[in-house]
Every structure is written in structure tokens, then in C-alpha cells.
Amino acid sequence: VVGSVAPNVGTIAGGTPITITGNYFSGPATVTLGGVPATNVQVVNATTITTITPPAPAGSVDVLVTVGGRTVTLANGFTFNQVKDDIVRAWGAGTTTTGIDSNYGQSIVPVDLGACTAIAGGWAHSIALRADGTVRAWGAGTSNTGISPNYGQSIVPTDLGPCTAIAGGYLYTLALRTDGIVRAWGDNYYSQCNIPTDLGPCTAIAAGFYHALALRTDGTVRAWGRNAYGQCNIPTNLGPCTAIAGGVNHTIALRTDGTVRAWGENYYGQCTIPTNLGLCTAIAAGTHHTIALHTDGTVTAWGSNSNGECSVPAELGLCTAIAGGWWQSVALRTDGTVRAWGWNSNGQCIIPTDLGPCTAIAGGTLHSLAIQR
């Protein structure tokens, strides 16, 4: 079974790292996009394959996955575009560097950043995963004085090496290396940067306010850091998962069967899964709210709605990705356009008029980010 490809858009030059999710994967496997073989195909586990796209002409192509002699096709599963740079855009707080009203430059994208494949937002800093696997960060934390907000969360370790995923917490940063090893840096008051010695290789990471999360290669979830509300206590009957997300004091997991689980603080009902939620393909978290993307592309949100962050626009339409900021929600629609709703104190929900189609989104505390094709 092949369920999705993420990201599902890349350049005609190839070289885009993609993750294929589904079921019953086992090695060895081959992947082709539009009839052209992909490179570095890795069967991570029974539900995850990673690979790198080949060069190809512009347009949408079928993705074929062959395992054990059987081939499954995901029609129009990937689109090659002619833009050679997937540029990062950001808006909201941090459009200046005055240090007033959380303006730490988190929305001022470095001019030399280059093409990126993933983005993440922290409290007042931004993180980007470049096409070559290197990590960049900017905003608060460009020094390591230990005085809030400068805990060095934007100072990427020189020995980090190439990565496949990134995440931003309150005053710290997480990165997942290509070898599956998790790294963390920045504020460590609650030991959120102390990676468990027995963690082992992982396939995904997520950051809550003061707690960190990792999805191991066997589909099990680990959590560490602040645990005042039990957000780090993994349910014994959770089962294997495909995605994780963290709010301020709660944790969400997407199980391999498409069901959603949540635990930790539930004062606003952020951990109470709607009875009619159904099966989902993605999850995200804000401060006190939870967001889910259904298999049909529709979005549901629940928990605190004090700023309208759970009021999904009626005209939103079908989406391919979701993200949560502090009190805002962000969605990437199937046509590549971005929508945001909720708290708009710093313009974090006002999409730039020149944004254009995007391939990825992220939410920070008072700012939002996207990767533009």
C-alpha cells in the first residue's frame, strides 16, 4: 500500500529527498517517478521508504514502488517544477531586528539560504533544512549567553552533519540526521536537549514547548523533557505510529492505522479526540489546540479556540499539509496556496500577496513560514 509522498513537489533538477508512507514495505525496494529510477532508496520500516528524486521533465508523474516483485502505483504522486530554488518565505513577528514585540529577525530569511526542503518555527527563531541536508537557523538564539531568549537555539552545531528533519521548541532546536540520530541544542532547563542514550535510530522528530519527541524506526514513540502534565508518558497501548506532534503541554501521535491519539494537559480538550474524526494522514499542534488532516484532505481542529484557531474556514477546501503556531493554524491547500487563521497579533495569519504556490508550511509562536516553489 502506498499512501502519500512528502514533499510531493520538487525541481526538475532532481535531488529532492522524499518520504513515501504506506504499509507492508520490506527490503529491497525500488522506486520510479515517471518511469525514471529514484536513487538512495531506503526501506526505513514497514510504513516508510526514503529516497531522492531523479532529474525529470516538468509535470506530474506517477510514483511506482516495487517491493517483493509487486508494484503499486500512486497516480500523479509527484510534480516536477521548473523552479530551481525552493525558497523560504516568512511573515509575522520578526520582520525587524529591534528586539521589540518578539522582533528578533525570525521572519528575515537569510539571503544566502538557498533551496530548502523543510522548515520549522520556534518561539522567536526559524529553522530550515537545505537541499544539501545542512541546517540553518536564524532569529533569537544567535548567541549562547543563557539569557532569554539567547540560549544558542539558532547556533547550529558544527559537527551536526546532513539531516532529514528539523523541529523548533520554545528556546531549543531538534534535528534528525540522515543516520537516524537525533540532536538537540539550546535551552536545556527541563533536559529537553538531553537525548536518551537508548533512543536508537529514528524516522521523525517533533518539539513541544519544553518537551521533545522522536519516532523510532520500529514505530514506537519516545518523549523527554518537561512532564508536568504527563506529556512524556507514552500510553502503553499506543502501538506503532507514523507521525508525532507536540503542543505546550500535550503530545499527539498518528498511528499506522490512521487513528489519532493524544495525552498530557487536557484543560481545553486538546487531548479529547473527536468521536467522528475518522482516519487521518497528518497531525499538528498549537499551544493548546490540535489539528488533523483527514484522508480526504479536509481539516479538523479542537481544543482552545480563544483566538479562532480551531475555526477551520468553511471555504478552506482540500489540503496536503497542516501546521500549528502558538495560537494560529496554517494549512497548505492542494493547489499550493497557503491559508492561516487564529491569532493575528503580528500579521502571522496574513498571507503575503506575492507568496505563490508552496510545498511546505510551518508555524512559529508569532510568525508563519512556507517554502515557495
Foldseek 3Di string as FASTA:
>chain_A
DWQAKPLQEEALQWLAKIKIFDFQADDDKWKDWQNHTWPPWDCLARTIIITTTHRDDFAFTWMWMDHPNDIDIDGSRHGHDHDHAFAKAKFFAQPDCPPPPLNQNQRVDDPPQTHFRAKEAEANKIKTQHSVQDIAMGGAQCACPVPPLNNNQRPDDPPPAGFDDKYYAHRKIWTQHPLQDIAMGGDCPQPQRVPDPPQDGFDDWEYEHFKIWTQRSLQDIAMGGDCPFPQRPDDPPPAGFDDKYYANFKIKTQRSVQDIAMGGDCPQPQGPDDPPPDGFDDKEDAHFKIKTQRSQQDIAMGGDCVFPQRVPDPPPAGFDDKEYEHFKIKTQHPQQDIAMGGDCPGPQRPDDPPQAGFSYWYYYHGMIMTGHD
